[in-house]
Amino acid sequence: MGESKDLSNVRRDYESTSIGKADLDADPIVEFGKWLQQATDLQLIDSTAMTLATATNDGLPSARIVLLKGYDADGFCWYTDSRSQKGQELECNPQAALLFHWRDLSRQIRVQGSVERLSAEQADSYFHSRPEGSRFSAASSWQTSPVESRAVLESEVQRLRDLHPQGDVPRPEAWIGYRLKPVYFEFWQGLVNRLHDRIVYRPAANGWAKSRISP
């Protein structure tokens, strides 16, 4: 066993402005858009990055960072290889959670819900909008599967480039889009002395009900 490391003194202070239920829009999607827009306007690095948490059928969780590629009243969308660990877990357990964290704003948003696949047409549209290098990388990789070396990956990219010299590599059938349909939101604002604001939204008869929970 290695030496235990005490990290209890690693901390920072929060000095943000408090938020109340009345300050947030009645629609959590609209409020999400305001927070994301502020992060984007401030040119925060990877403002659309989100932690995607999935779980196996027996409840073993896993998490990774992906990029939000669109959202609307129906939910939050991203794209990936469905043969990956997250794709396999979503296949057997189509429930997930998202976490957006904007450190410079001392803000987080948690979203939970069920996950569905987007159409092949939507996946095609986004795939062909990506930079050429990203398309070839996606087409050459079976995400999460073992690979002997980086040279093997680079060789496969070159093989595909030779087959598609105009850059028109097709979207792999397994490379698809997903949408999380939210049933829960939490808007978190870090505050002084760790007395943070946490406002949650849950479905109600006429839309969404807001409530405050303890920090």
Protein backbone atom coordinates (compact mmCIF):
# COMPACT_ATOMS: atom_id res chain seq x y z
CA MET A 1 0.00 0.00 0.00
CA GLY A 2 1.28 3.47 -0.83
CA GLU A 3 1.47 6.35 1.59
CA SER A 4 -1.88 8.02 2.28
CA LYS A 5 -2.16 11.57 0.89
CA ASP A 6 -4.12 14.13 2.89
CA LEU A 7 -5.95 16.52 0.56
CA SER A 8 -8.26 18.04 3.16
CA ASN A 9 -6.72 21.51 2.77
CA VAL A 10 -7.11 21.63 -1.02
CA ARG A 11 -10.04 23.98 -1.47
CA ARG A 12 -11.11 27.30 -2.89
CA ASP A 13 -13.61 29.94 -1.84
CA TYR A 14 -16.80 30.74 -3.74
CA GLU A 15 -17.91 34.35 -4.11
CA SER A 16 -20.87 34.14 -6.51
CA THR A 17 -24.30 35.76 -6.21
CA SER A 18 -27.12 33.73 -4.68
CA ILE A 19 -30.02 32.56 -6.83
CA GLY A 20 -33.62 31.93 -5.83
CA LYS A 21 -36.44 29.95 -7.40
CA ALA A 22 -37.98 33.13 -8.74
CA ASP A 23 -34.73 33.98 -10.54
CA LEU A 24 -34.91 30.86 -12.72
CA ASP A 25 -37.18 30.39 -15.72
CA ALA A 26 -40.22 28.15 -15.35
CA ASP A 27 -38.79 25.97 -18.14
CA PRO A 28 -35.49 24.28 -17.19
CA ILE A 29 -34.48 23.97 -20.85
CA VAL A 30 -34.75 27.75 -21.22
CA GLU A 31 -32.76 28.28 -18.01
CA PHE A 32 -30.13 25.79 -19.20
CA GLY A 33 -29.79 27.80 -22.40
CA LYS A 34 -29.13 30.97 -20.40
CA TRP A 35 -26.39 29.34 -18.33
CA LEU A 36 -24.77 27.73 -21.38
CA GLN A 37 -24.91 31.01 -23.29
CA GLN A 38 -23.17 32.84 -20.46
CA ALA A 39 -20.41 30.22 -20.40
CA THR A 40 -20.10 30.48 -24.19
CA ASP A 41 -20.05 34.28 -24.16
CA LEU A 42 -17.20 34.19 -21.64
CA GLN A 43 -15.34 31.86 -24.04
CA LEU A 44 -14.87 29.23 -21.37
CA ILE A 45 -12.89 26.25 -22.68
CA ASP A 46 -15.14 23.34 -23.66
CA SER A 47 -18.30 25.07 -22.50
CA THR A 48 -20.40 22.30 -24.11
CA ALA A 49 -18.50 19.48 -22.36
CA MET A 50 -20.61 17.25 -20.14
CA THR A 51 -20.00 14.20 -18.02
CA LEU A 52 -22.14 11.33 -19.24
CA ALA A 53 -22.81 8.70 -16.59
CA THR A 54 -24.23 5.31 -17.57
CA ALA A 55 -24.57 1.99 -15.75
CA THR A 56 -24.70 -1.69 -16.50
CA ASN A 57 -27.89 -3.65 -16.05
CA ASP A 58 -26.76 -4.64 -12.54
CA GLY A 59 -25.92 -1.08 -11.53
CA LEU A 60 -22.15 -0.77 -12.06
CA PRO A 61 -21.62 2.89 -13.06
CA SER A 62 -19.14 4.47 -15.45
CA ALA A 63 -18.62 8.07 -16.56
CA ARG A 64 -16.77 10.00 -19.23
CA ILE A 65 -16.70 13.45 -20.86
CA VAL A 66 -18.57 13.93 -24.14
CA LEU A 67 -19.67 17.04 -26.02
CA LEU A 68 -23.23 18.29 -26.23
CA LYS A 69 -24.16 18.60 -29.92
CA GLY A 70 -27.66 19.95 -29.65
CA TYR A 71 -30.61 20.41 -27.32
CA ASP A 72 -34.25 21.41 -27.46
CA ALA A 73 -37.49 20.76 -25.60
CA ASP A 74 -37.06 17.03 -26.27
CA GLY A 75 -33.64 16.71 -24.62
CA PHE A 76 -29.87 16.72 -24.99
CA CYS A 77 -28.01 15.10 -27.90
CA TRP A 78 -24.55 13.65 -28.49
CA TYR A 79 -22.89 11.22 -30.91
CA THR A 80 -20.63 8.24 -30.37
CA ASP A 81 -19.83 4.67 -31.37
CA SER A 82 -22.66 2.46 -30.13
CA ARG A 83 -20.16 -0.42 -29.74
CA SER A 84 -18.36 1.52 -26.98
CA GLN A 85 -18.82 0.85 -23.28
CA LYS A 86 -21.35 3.66 -22.96
CA GLY A 87 -23.19 2.41 -26.02
CA GLN A 88 -23.36 -1.14 -24.68
CA GLU A 89 -24.53 0.08 -21.28
CA LEU A 90 -27.23 2.27 -22.83
CA GLU A 91 -28.39 -0.70 -24.88
CA CYS A 92 -29.15 -2.74 -21.77
CA ASN A 93 -29.98 0.14 -19.41
CA PRO A 94 -31.24 3.23 -21.29
CA GLN A 95 -31.05 5.55 -18.27
CA ALA A 96 -28.29 8.13 -17.85
CA ALA A 97 -27.21 11.34 -16.13
CA LEU A 98 -25.43 14.41 -17.48
CA LEU A 99 -23.31 16.89 -15.54
CA PHE A 100 -22.25 20.29 -16.88
CA HIS A 101 -19.54 22.03 -14.83
CA TRP A 102 -18.41 25.59 -15.48
CA ARG A 103 -15.68 26.16 -12.92
CA ASP A 104 -15.15 29.84 -13.69
CA LEU A 105 -18.82 30.53 -12.97
CA SER A 106 -18.95 28.22 -9.93
CA ARG A 107 -21.89 26.51 -11.55
CA GLN A 108 -23.10 23.00 -12.28
CA ILE A 109 -26.21 21.57 -13.89
CA ARG A 110 -27.24 17.95 -13.36
CA VAL A 111 -29.75 16.28 -15.68
CA GLN A 112 -31.23 12.78 -15.40
CA GLY A 113 -33.48 10.88 -17.76
CA SER A 114 -34.06 8.11 -20.26
CA VAL A 115 -32.02 7.78 -23.44
CA GLU A 116 -33.15 7.05 -26.99
CA ARG A 117 -31.34 6.74 -30.31
CA LEU A 118 -31.49 9.49 -32.91
CA SER A 119 -32.36 8.67 -36.52
CA ALA A 120 -29.79 7.52 -39.07
CA GLU A 121 -30.51 10.72 -41.00
CA GLN A 122 -29.55 12.86 -38.00
CA ALA A 123 -26.37 10.84 -37.49
CA ASP A 124 -25.49 11.20 -41.18
CA SER A 125 -26.06 14.94 -41.09
CA TYR A 126 -23.82 15.50 -38.10
CA PHE A 127 -21.16 13.00 -39.21
CA HIS A 128 -20.68 14.75 -42.55
CA SER A 129 -20.51 18.16 -40.86
CA ARG A 130 -17.42 17.09 -38.87
CA PRO A 131 -13.87 17.97 -39.93
CA GLU A 132 -12.44 15.45 -42.39
CA GLY A 133 -9.84 14.13 -39.95
CA SER A 134 -12.49 13.43 -37.33
CA ARG A 135 -14.60 11.50 -39.84
CA PHE A 136 -11.68 9.26 -40.81
CA SER A 137 -10.76 8.69 -37.16
CA ALA A 138 -14.32 7.64 -36.31
CA ALA A 139 -14.55 5.37 -39.34
CA SER A 140 -11.25 3.64 -38.55
CA SER A 141 -11.92 2.87 -34.87
CA TRP A 142 -14.08 0.35 -33.03
CA GLN A 143 -14.30 2.43 -29.89
CA THR A 144 -13.18 0.76 -26.62
CA SER A 145 -12.06 -2.47 -28.33
CA PRO A 146 -8.43 -3.60 -27.75
CA VAL A 147 -5.90 -2.52 -30.39
CA GLU A 148 -2.35 -3.78 -30.78
CA SER A 149 -0.71 -0.39 -31.29
CA ARG A 150 -1.25 3.17 -32.46
CA ALA A 151 0.40 2.16 -35.72
CA VAL A 152 -2.53 -0.19 -36.38
CA LEU A 153 -4.99 2.70 -35.99
CA GLU A 154 -2.95 5.00 -38.23
CA SER A 155 -2.65 2.26 -40.83
CA GLU A 156 -6.43 1.86 -40.92
CA VAL A 157 -6.91 5.61 -41.31
CA GLN A 158 -4.51 5.58 -44.27
CA ARG A 159 -6.31 2.59 -45.81
CA LEU A 160 -9.59 4.49 -45.66
CA ARG A 161 -8.00 7.63 -47.08
CA ASP A 162 -6.70 5.60 -50.02
CA LEU A 163 -10.23 4.24 -50.55
CA HIS A 164 -11.82 7.70 -50.25
CA PRO A 165 -9.29 10.22 -51.61
CA GLN A 166 -12.04 12.87 -51.91
CA GLY A 167 -12.65 12.65 -48.17
CA ASP A 168 -16.13 11.14 -48.56
CA VAL A 169 -15.66 8.33 -46.06
CA PRO A 170 -19.10 6.94 -45.11
CA ARG A 171 -20.48 7.02 -41.60
CA PRO A 172 -20.02 3.68 -39.86
CA GLU A 173 -23.40 2.14 -39.13
CA ALA A 174 -22.51 1.84 -35.43
CA TRP A 175 -21.64 5.55 -35.14
CA ILE A 176 -24.93 7.06 -34.00
CA GLY A 177 -26.61 9.78 -32.01
CA TYR A 178 -28.39 9.67 -28.68
CA ARG A 179 -30.89 11.91 -26.91
CA LEU A 180 -31.42 12.10 -23.15
CA LYS A 181 -35.04 12.99 -22.37
CA PRO A 182 -34.87 14.78 -19.00
CA VAL A 183 -37.01 14.01 -15.98
CA TYR A 184 -34.89 15.88 -13.42
CA PHE A 185 -32.72 19.02 -13.37
CA GLU A 186 -30.55 20.51 -10.67
CA PHE A 187 -29.04 24.00 -11.01
CA TRP A 188 -26.15 24.44 -8.58
CA GLN A 189 -24.49 27.76 -7.71
CA GLY A 190 -21.40 27.68 -5.49
CA LEU A 191 -21.51 30.23 -2.66
CA VAL A 192 -19.47 31.50 0.26
CA ASN A 193 -18.96 29.14 3.21
CA ARG A 194 -20.26 26.25 1.07
CA LEU A 195 -23.87 27.35 1.68
CA HIS A 196 -24.59 26.65 -1.98
CA ASP A 197 -27.83 27.25 -3.88
CA ARG A 198 -29.46 24.14 -5.35
CA ILE A 199 -32.69 24.52 -7.31
CA VAL A 200 -34.27 21.40 -8.75
CA TYR A 201 -36.98 20.85 -11.36
CA ARG A 202 -39.28 17.83 -11.44
CA PRO A 203 -42.17 17.09 -13.81
CA ALA A 204 -45.54 18.47 -12.73
CA ALA A 205 -49.06 18.47 -14.13
CA ASN A 206 -48.53 21.75 -15.96
CA GLY A 207 -44.85 21.56 -16.85
CA TRP A 208 -42.17 21.61 -14.16
CA ALA A 209 -42.16 22.22 -10.42
CA LYS A 210 -39.20 24.03 -8.85
CA SER A 211 -37.95 23.48 -5.32
CA ARG A 212 -34.88 24.27 -3.24
CA ILE A 213 -32.80 21.50 -1.66
CA SER A 214 -30.13 21.79 1.03
CA PRO A 215 -26.52 22.30 -0.05
